[in-house]
N, C-alpha and C. Protein backbone atom coordinates (compact mmCIF):
# COMPACT_ATOMS: atom_id res chain seq x y z
N MET A 1 -21.08 28.41 4.00
CA MET A 1 -20.09 28.22 2.81
C MET A 1 -20.53 27.01 2.13
N ARG A 2 -20.93 26.05 2.55
CA ARG A 2 -21.42 24.81 1.95
C ARG A 2 -22.67 25.19 1.03
N ALA A 3 -23.55 25.98 1.64
CA ALA A 3 -24.74 26.30 0.83
C ALA A 3 -24.54 27.26 -0.37
N ALA A 4 -23.59 28.12 -0.14
CA ALA A 4 -23.25 29.08 -1.21
C ALA A 4 -22.37 28.47 -2.28
N LEU A 5 -21.40 27.66 -1.87
CA LEU A 5 -20.43 26.96 -2.86
C LEU A 5 -21.26 25.80 -3.60
N GLY A 6 -21.95 25.18 -2.70
CA GLY A 6 -22.87 23.93 -3.33
C GLY A 6 -23.98 24.40 -4.06
N GLY A 7 -24.41 25.48 -4.03
CA GLY A 7 -25.55 25.93 -4.72
C GLY A 7 -26.96 25.25 -4.15
N ASP A 8 -26.87 25.26 -2.69
CA ASP A 8 -28.09 24.81 -1.97
C ASP A 8 -29.04 25.85 -1.84
N ILE A 9 -29.86 26.21 -2.57
CA ILE A 9 -30.78 27.26 -2.63
C ILE A 9 -31.76 27.25 -1.44
N ALA A 10 -32.05 26.17 -0.99
CA ALA A 10 -33.05 26.05 0.14
C ALA A 10 -32.24 26.46 1.59
N ALA A 11 -30.97 25.97 1.47
CA ALA A 11 -30.38 26.26 2.73
C ALA A 11 -29.87 27.82 2.72
N LEU A 12 -29.47 28.45 1.46
CA LEU A 12 -29.32 29.84 1.52
C LEU A 12 -30.54 30.70 1.76
N LEU A 13 -31.63 30.22 1.25
CA LEU A 13 -32.96 30.94 1.76
C LEU A 13 -33.13 31.07 3.19
N GLU A 14 -32.88 29.93 3.84
CA GLU A 14 -32.96 29.70 5.34
C GLU A 14 -31.85 30.59 6.17
N ILE A 15 -30.65 30.67 5.64
CA ILE A 15 -29.52 31.27 6.55
C ILE A 15 -29.40 32.78 6.15
N LEU A 16 -29.91 33.16 4.95
CA LEU A 16 -29.72 34.69 4.66
C LEU A 16 -30.93 35.55 5.10
N ALA A 17 -30.62 36.57 5.83
CA ALA A 17 -31.59 37.33 6.15
C ALA A 17 -32.47 38.03 5.03
N PRO A 18 -33.49 38.51 5.25
CA PRO A 18 -34.30 39.07 3.97
C PRO A 18 -33.52 40.34 3.40
N ASP A 19 -32.95 40.98 4.26
CA ASP A 19 -32.35 42.28 3.88
C ASP A 19 -30.72 42.17 3.77
N VAL A 20 -30.34 40.94 3.45
CA VAL A 20 -28.87 40.63 3.37
C VAL A 20 -28.29 41.52 2.33
N THR A 21 -27.12 41.99 2.47
CA THR A 21 -26.23 42.74 1.44
C THR A 21 -24.97 41.86 1.27
N VAL A 22 -24.55 41.76 -0.13
CA VAL A 22 -23.39 41.17 -0.25
C VAL A 22 -22.47 42.25 -1.19
N TRP A 23 -21.33 42.20 -0.50
CA TRP A 23 -20.29 43.37 -1.15
C TRP A 23 -19.28 42.55 -1.65
N THR A 24 -18.71 42.77 -2.89
CA THR A 24 -17.66 42.26 -3.58
C THR A 24 -16.62 43.25 -3.91
N ASP A 25 -15.43 42.69 -3.94
CA ASP A 25 -14.34 43.70 -4.36
C ASP A 25 -13.13 42.67 -5.11
N GLY A 26 -13.37 42.80 -6.43
CA GLY A 26 -12.35 42.19 -7.19
C GLY A 26 -11.27 43.25 -7.82
N GLY A 27 -11.51 44.40 -7.32
CA GLY A 27 -10.43 45.40 -7.81
C GLY A 27 -10.32 45.56 -9.24
N GLY A 28 -11.23 45.12 -10.21
CA GLY A 28 -11.28 45.07 -11.57
C GLY A 28 -10.34 44.05 -12.10
N LYS A 29 -9.87 43.19 -11.14
CA LYS A 29 -9.00 42.16 -11.55
C LYS A 29 -9.65 40.62 -11.48
N ARG A 30 -10.59 40.68 -10.73
CA ARG A 30 -11.19 39.25 -10.46
C ARG A 30 -12.73 39.37 -10.69
N LYS A 31 -13.38 38.32 -11.19
CA LYS A 31 -14.77 38.34 -11.20
C LYS A 31 -15.21 36.96 -10.47
N PRO A 32 -16.38 36.82 -9.93
CA PRO A 32 -17.37 37.85 -9.91
C PRO A 32 -17.05 38.96 -8.78
N ALA A 33 -17.25 40.26 -9.29
CA ALA A 33 -17.15 41.35 -8.43
C ALA A 33 -17.93 42.55 -8.98
N GLY A 34 -19.02 42.76 -8.39
CA GLY A 34 -19.87 43.81 -8.95
C GLY A 34 -19.49 45.13 -8.48
N LEU A 35 -20.00 46.06 -9.31
CA LEU A 35 -19.62 47.42 -9.02
C LEU A 35 -20.41 48.07 -7.68
N ARG A 36 -21.49 47.47 -7.60
CA ARG A 36 -22.54 47.80 -6.46
C ARG A 36 -22.78 46.59 -5.66
N PRO A 37 -23.06 46.90 -4.41
CA PRO A 37 -23.68 45.82 -3.43
C PRO A 37 -24.87 45.24 -3.94
N VAL A 38 -25.00 43.93 -3.65
CA VAL A 38 -26.41 43.10 -4.03
C VAL A 38 -27.19 43.25 -2.76
N HIS A 39 -28.38 43.74 -2.91
CA HIS A 39 -29.40 43.89 -1.66
C HIS A 39 -30.30 42.87 -1.79
N GLY A 40 -30.69 42.21 -0.78
CA GLY A 40 -31.81 41.49 -0.81
C GLY A 40 -31.55 39.86 -0.87
N ARG A 41 -32.36 39.01 -0.10
CA ARG A 41 -31.88 37.64 -0.08
C ARG A 41 -32.12 37.06 -1.60
N ASP A 42 -33.24 37.25 -2.36
CA ASP A 42 -33.38 36.81 -3.69
C ASP A 42 -32.26 36.88 -4.53
N LYS A 43 -31.82 38.21 -4.73
CA LYS A 43 -30.68 38.63 -5.50
C LYS A 43 -29.39 37.93 -5.07
N ALA A 44 -29.09 37.94 -3.71
CA ALA A 44 -27.97 37.26 -3.14
C ALA A 44 -27.97 35.70 -3.55
N VAL A 45 -29.11 35.08 -3.47
CA VAL A 45 -29.33 33.69 -3.75
C VAL A 45 -28.84 33.63 -5.15
N ARG A 46 -29.45 34.26 -6.03
CA ARG A 46 -29.09 34.28 -7.56
C ARG A 46 -27.72 34.42 -7.75
N LEU A 47 -26.98 35.38 -7.09
CA LEU A 47 -25.50 35.65 -7.34
C LEU A 47 -24.75 34.29 -6.94
N PHE A 48 -24.97 33.80 -5.59
CA PHE A 48 -24.31 32.62 -5.13
C PHE A 48 -24.76 31.48 -6.05
N ASN A 49 -25.89 31.25 -6.47
CA ASN A 49 -26.35 30.13 -7.37
C ASN A 49 -25.63 30.30 -8.78
N ALA A 50 -25.40 31.28 -9.37
CA ALA A 50 -24.72 31.42 -10.64
C ALA A 50 -23.26 31.10 -10.46
N TYR A 51 -22.83 31.38 -9.40
CA TYR A 51 -21.29 31.04 -9.20
C TYR A 51 -21.16 29.47 -8.94
N ALA A 52 -22.14 29.06 -8.06
CA ALA A 52 -21.87 27.56 -7.76
C ALA A 52 -22.22 26.72 -8.86
N SER A 53 -23.02 27.16 -9.80
CA SER A 53 -23.36 26.41 -10.97
C SER A 53 -22.15 26.37 -12.08
N GLY A 54 -21.29 27.33 -11.89
CA GLY A 54 -20.35 27.50 -12.83
C GLY A 54 -20.54 28.41 -14.05
N ARG A 55 -21.58 29.09 -13.94
CA ARG A 55 -22.07 30.11 -14.82
C ARG A 55 -21.11 31.43 -14.82
N GLY A 56 -20.42 31.61 -13.70
CA GLY A 56 -19.63 32.62 -13.51
C GLY A 56 -18.23 32.26 -14.18
N PRO A 57 -17.29 33.25 -14.13
CA PRO A 57 -15.99 32.96 -14.68
C PRO A 57 -15.12 31.85 -14.00
N ARG A 58 -15.40 31.46 -12.83
CA ARG A 58 -14.56 30.50 -11.96
C ARG A 58 -15.62 29.61 -11.38
N ALA A 59 -15.72 28.40 -11.83
CA ALA A 59 -16.62 27.36 -10.98
C ALA A 59 -16.29 27.08 -9.51
N ALA A 60 -17.25 27.27 -8.65
CA ALA A 60 -17.03 27.01 -7.27
C ALA A 60 -16.47 25.80 -7.02
N ARG A 61 -16.43 24.78 -7.80
CA ARG A 61 -15.93 23.37 -7.53
C ARG A 61 -14.46 23.35 -7.69
N ASP A 62 -13.86 24.56 -8.19
CA ASP A 62 -12.48 24.75 -8.28
C ASP A 62 -11.82 25.32 -7.12
N LEU A 63 -12.68 25.62 -6.06
CA LEU A 63 -12.29 26.49 -4.92
C LEU A 63 -12.38 25.61 -3.86
N GLU A 64 -11.35 25.62 -2.78
CA GLU A 64 -11.30 24.99 -1.57
C GLU A 64 -11.50 25.83 -0.48
N PRO A 65 -12.36 25.77 0.31
CA PRO A 65 -12.59 26.75 1.50
C PRO A 65 -11.74 26.16 2.78
N ARG A 66 -11.07 27.07 3.42
CA ARG A 66 -10.37 26.85 4.63
C ARG A 66 -10.71 28.02 5.60
N TYR A 67 -10.78 27.76 6.86
CA TYR A 67 -11.17 28.90 7.79
C TYR A 67 -10.28 29.40 8.55
N ARG A 68 -9.98 30.65 8.57
CA ARG A 68 -8.78 31.33 9.10
C ARG A 68 -9.33 32.71 9.84
N LYS A 69 -8.54 33.25 10.58
CA LYS A 69 -8.53 34.52 11.13
C LYS A 69 -7.97 35.55 9.99
N VAL A 70 -8.80 36.54 9.55
CA VAL A 70 -8.21 37.54 8.75
C VAL A 70 -8.49 38.84 9.27
N ASN A 71 -7.44 39.69 9.49
CA ASN A 71 -7.73 40.98 10.20
C ASN A 71 -8.69 40.77 11.39
N GLY A 72 -8.37 39.77 12.21
CA GLY A 72 -8.89 39.63 13.43
C GLY A 72 -10.41 39.01 13.30
N ASP A 73 -10.89 38.81 12.19
CA ASP A 73 -12.36 38.37 11.99
C ASP A 73 -12.20 36.76 11.62
N ASP A 74 -13.17 36.00 11.98
CA ASP A 74 -13.25 34.65 11.43
C ASP A 74 -13.69 34.89 9.99
N ALA A 75 -13.07 34.05 9.03
CA ALA A 75 -13.28 34.11 7.61
C ALA A 75 -13.19 32.85 6.89
N ALA A 76 -13.75 32.79 5.77
CA ALA A 76 -13.48 31.52 4.78
C ALA A 76 -12.61 32.07 3.80
N VAL A 77 -11.44 31.39 3.79
CA VAL A 77 -10.58 31.85 2.62
C VAL A 77 -10.73 30.69 1.60
N LEU A 78 -10.94 31.13 0.35
CA LEU A 78 -11.21 30.21 -0.79
C LEU A 78 -9.76 30.00 -1.46
N PHE A 79 -9.46 28.77 -1.58
CA PHE A 79 -8.11 28.54 -2.19
C PHE A 79 -8.30 27.97 -3.78
N GLN A 80 -7.49 28.43 -4.61
CA GLN A 80 -7.47 27.73 -5.90
C GLN A 80 -5.93 27.49 -5.99
N GLY A 81 -5.60 26.14 -6.20
CA GLY A 81 -4.33 25.74 -6.37
C GLY A 81 -3.32 26.13 -5.38
N GLY A 82 -3.79 26.11 -4.10
CA GLY A 82 -2.77 26.42 -2.97
C GLY A 82 -2.75 27.95 -2.76
N SER A 83 -3.23 28.79 -3.48
CA SER A 83 -3.25 30.22 -3.27
C SER A 83 -4.52 30.78 -3.00
N PRO A 84 -4.62 31.86 -2.08
CA PRO A 84 -5.87 32.47 -1.80
C PRO A 84 -6.49 33.08 -2.98
N PHE A 85 -7.60 32.72 -3.22
CA PHE A 85 -8.48 33.14 -4.26
C PHE A 85 -9.49 34.33 -3.88
N ALA A 86 -9.98 34.17 -2.67
CA ALA A 86 -10.94 35.17 -2.12
C ALA A 86 -11.06 35.00 -0.73
N VAL A 87 -11.58 36.09 0.11
CA VAL A 87 -11.81 35.83 1.47
C VAL A 87 -13.22 36.27 1.63
N MET A 88 -14.06 35.54 2.38
CA MET A 88 -15.32 35.88 2.64
C MET A 88 -15.44 36.06 4.26
N VAL A 89 -16.24 37.11 4.64
CA VAL A 89 -16.45 37.41 6.06
C VAL A 89 -18.08 37.61 6.11
N LEU A 90 -18.63 36.83 7.10
CA LEU A 90 -19.98 36.98 7.29
C LEU A 90 -20.44 37.86 8.48
N ASP A 91 -21.46 38.65 8.34
CA ASP A 91 -21.89 39.57 9.34
C ASP A 91 -23.41 38.87 9.69
N LEU A 92 -23.43 38.46 10.92
CA LEU A 92 -24.62 37.81 11.56
C LEU A 92 -25.66 38.87 12.00
N THR A 93 -26.77 38.48 12.22
CA THR A 93 -27.93 39.25 12.73
C THR A 93 -27.58 39.21 14.27
N PRO A 94 -28.25 40.04 14.95
CA PRO A 94 -27.77 40.22 16.58
C PRO A 94 -27.97 38.75 17.23
N ASP A 95 -29.14 38.05 16.84
CA ASP A 95 -29.37 36.86 17.38
C ASP A 95 -28.48 35.70 16.85
N GLY A 96 -27.69 35.85 16.00
CA GLY A 96 -26.70 34.83 15.38
C GLY A 96 -27.28 33.88 14.60
N GLU A 97 -28.55 34.18 14.20
CA GLU A 97 -29.41 32.99 13.41
C GLU A 97 -29.30 33.25 11.91
N ARG A 98 -29.02 34.39 11.48
CA ARG A 98 -29.01 34.59 9.92
C ARG A 98 -27.90 35.49 9.65
N VAL A 99 -27.51 35.38 8.23
CA VAL A 99 -26.39 36.20 7.72
C VAL A 99 -27.05 37.59 7.21
N ARG A 100 -26.57 38.65 7.72
CA ARG A 100 -27.07 39.92 7.24
C ARG A 100 -26.15 40.70 6.07
N GLY A 101 -24.89 40.29 6.26
CA GLY A 101 -23.92 40.98 5.46
C GLY A 101 -22.97 39.86 5.03
N VAL A 102 -22.41 39.87 3.58
CA VAL A 102 -21.50 39.06 3.13
C VAL A 102 -20.33 40.06 2.51
N TYR A 103 -19.20 39.96 2.93
CA TYR A 103 -18.07 40.72 2.36
C TYR A 103 -17.14 39.59 1.63
N VAL A 104 -16.82 39.89 0.28
CA VAL A 104 -16.00 39.10 -0.44
C VAL A 104 -14.92 39.96 -1.05
N VAL A 105 -13.69 39.58 -0.55
CA VAL A 105 -12.74 40.34 -1.25
C VAL A 105 -11.75 39.32 -2.13
N ALA A 106 -11.67 39.62 -3.36
CA ALA A 106 -11.07 38.71 -4.34
C ALA A 106 -9.79 39.47 -5.19
N ASN A 107 -9.66 40.77 -4.83
CA ASN A 107 -8.70 41.43 -5.38
C ASN A 107 -7.28 40.90 -4.95
N PRO A 108 -6.52 40.33 -5.82
CA PRO A 108 -5.23 39.82 -5.61
C PRO A 108 -4.37 40.76 -4.77
N ASP A 109 -4.35 42.08 -5.09
CA ASP A 109 -3.56 43.06 -4.55
C ASP A 109 -3.76 43.17 -2.99
N LYS A 110 -4.91 42.66 -2.58
CA LYS A 110 -5.45 42.83 -1.25
C LYS A 110 -5.29 41.50 -0.49
N LEU A 111 -4.88 40.40 -1.18
CA LEU A 111 -4.83 38.99 -0.65
C LEU A 111 -3.42 38.56 -0.27
N GLY A 112 -2.43 39.53 -0.58
CA GLY A 112 -0.95 39.09 -0.34
C GLY A 112 -0.71 38.76 1.16
N HIS A 113 -1.43 39.39 1.98
CA HIS A 113 -1.07 39.08 3.51
C HIS A 113 -1.81 37.91 4.01
N VAL A 114 -2.65 37.29 3.32
CA VAL A 114 -3.40 36.01 3.63
C VAL A 114 -2.71 34.89 3.65
N PRO A 115 -2.47 34.10 4.83
CA PRO A 115 -1.75 32.92 4.80
C PRO A 115 -2.14 31.87 3.82
N GLY A 116 -1.12 31.29 3.16
CA GLY A 116 -1.41 30.19 2.33
C GLY A 116 -2.03 28.94 2.94
N GLU A 117 -2.32 28.17 2.00
CA GLU A 117 -2.97 26.84 2.33
C GLU A 117 -2.38 26.15 3.60
N GLU A 118 -1.01 26.12 3.64
CA GLU A 118 -0.28 25.33 4.65
C GLU A 118 -0.63 25.81 6.05
N ALA A 119 -1.08 27.15 6.23
CA ALA A 119 -1.15 27.70 7.55
C ALA A 119 -2.32 27.05 8.36
């Protein structure tokens, strides 16, 4: 999370598997949320770097990560102003050393059940 939100490209290159895939779901209501998955470490790094640098529609500095269980999985819930903005779940390689999948849900219709910041 720190590498992605902070724009630490070297750290991202180290922790992302070469064949990582990033799935995003904004439901057409939130961006960034692509229509297609982003495949490959270089493309994933560019996506996270654009977001962290504020070139996306919402600067990462406006978001505060909190770690929660969401649907039984460990997740990072990104809050903006005390309300959930997005949920990120990471899928690790079998050895647990690298991230091979990133799932981001930012569709507000799907975040209603996520506990608030006080949880």
